[in-house]
Amino acid sequence: MLGRQYTKEQYRAWNAVWRALQRGDLKRPDTCEHCGKAPGLNKRGRSKIEAHHYKGYDAAHILDVIFLCSECHKRYNALIDQATCGY
């Protein structure tokens, strides 16, 4: 089974968020904006809080993100996949 395929727009949006975090234009919170959990750090010492592009990946909304723990992020993406794919 192949992994999920990502688009150029997704990579562009992820890079834009990463650069904004590095510049200090965005700040990654310590807690999930949905459930309020503070999941801590992963094995590499990075936050387990992930940016979710809730308005999509087009250039007009490239930095419109909410910060979610990995559990909530997976649930959000599953809901989106279910709504768009019909399963």
Protein backbone atom coordinates (compact mmCIF):
# COMPACT_ATOMS: atom_id res chain seq x y z
CA MET A 1 0.00 0.00 0.00
CA LEU A 2 1.36 3.39 -0.95
CA GLY A 3 1.44 6.27 1.52
CA ARG A 4 -0.62 9.38 1.17
CA GLN A 5 0.24 11.54 -1.84
CA TYR A 6 0.83 15.24 -1.22
CA THR A 7 0.41 18.14 -3.64
CA LYS A 8 2.78 21.00 -4.44
CA GLU A 9 0.32 23.34 -2.72
CA GLN A 10 0.55 21.30 0.49
CA TYR A 11 4.36 21.36 0.46
CA ARG A 12 4.31 25.10 -0.26
CA ALA A 13 1.92 25.73 2.63
CA TRP A 14 3.91 23.58 5.06
CA ASN A 15 7.12 25.40 4.12
CA ALA A 16 5.44 28.78 4.53
CA VAL A 17 4.28 27.84 8.05
CA TRP A 18 7.72 26.52 8.94
CA ARG A 19 9.36 29.75 7.75
CA ALA A 20 6.79 31.86 9.62
CA LEU A 21 7.52 29.89 12.79
CA GLN A 22 11.27 30.40 12.31
CA ARG A 23 10.82 34.17 11.78
CA GLY A 24 8.48 34.45 14.75
CA ASP A 25 5.49 35.52 12.63
CA LEU A 26 3.61 32.49 13.99
CA LYS A 27 4.04 30.97 17.44
CA ARG A 28 3.37 27.31 18.10
CA PRO A 29 1.44 27.02 21.38
CA ASP A 30 2.25 24.43 24.02
CA THR A 31 -1.31 23.08 24.02
CA CYS A 32 -3.76 21.81 21.41
CA GLU A 33 -6.28 24.46 20.35
CA HIS A 34 -9.01 21.81 20.21
CA CYS A 35 -8.64 19.58 23.28
CA GLY A 36 -6.25 21.66 25.39
CA LYS A 37 -3.73 18.83 25.90
CA ALA A 38 -0.02 19.59 26.21
CA PRO A 39 1.49 16.59 24.39
CA GLY A 40 5.14 17.54 24.95
CA LEU A 41 8.02 16.74 22.61
CA ASN A 42 8.72 13.94 20.15
CA LYS A 43 11.93 11.85 20.02
CA ARG A 44 13.71 14.62 18.09
CA GLY A 45 12.84 17.20 20.72
CA ARG A 46 10.21 18.88 18.56
CA SER A 47 6.72 19.83 19.67
CA LYS A 48 3.96 17.31 19.00
CA ILE A 49 1.66 20.25 18.24
CA GLU A 50 0.99 20.35 14.47
CA ALA A 51 -0.31 23.10 12.20
CA HIS A 52 -3.63 22.29 10.48
CA HIS A 53 -4.55 24.31 7.37
CA TYR A 54 -8.27 24.56 8.10
CA LYS A 55 -9.00 26.78 5.08
CA GLY A 56 -7.03 24.68 2.61
CA TYR A 57 -3.64 25.14 0.99
CA ASP A 58 -4.14 27.92 -1.57
CA ALA A 59 -1.92 31.00 -1.36
CA ALA A 60 -4.68 33.24 0.05
CA HIS A 61 -4.89 31.07 3.19
CA ILE A 62 -1.34 29.75 3.41
CA LEU A 63 -0.84 30.90 7.02
CA ASP A 64 -4.40 30.29 8.22
CA VAL A 65 -3.69 27.45 10.62
CA ILE A 66 -4.80 26.11 13.96
CA PHE A 67 -2.39 24.18 16.14
CA LEU A 68 -3.53 20.69 17.13
CA CYS A 69 -2.05 17.70 18.93
CA SER A 70 -1.34 14.79 16.59
CA GLU A 71 -4.47 12.93 17.79
CA CYS A 72 -6.84 15.83 17.03
CA HIS A 73 -5.04 16.53 13.74
CA LYS A 74 -5.59 12.93 12.62
CA ARG A 75 -9.29 13.17 13.57
CA TYR A 76 -9.74 16.46 11.68
CA ASN A 77 -8.08 15.03 8.57
CA ALA A 78 -10.17 11.83 8.79
CA LEU A 79 -13.35 13.91 8.95
CA ILE A 80 -12.24 15.92 5.91
CA ASP A 81 -11.33 12.74 4.00
CA GLN A 82 -14.68 11.18 4.89
CA ALA A 83 -16.59 14.29 3.77
CA THR A 84 -14.73 14.61 0.46
CA CYS A 85 -14.47 10.90 -0.39
CA GLY A 86 -17.86 9.79 0.85
CA TYR A 87 -16.73 6.83 2.96
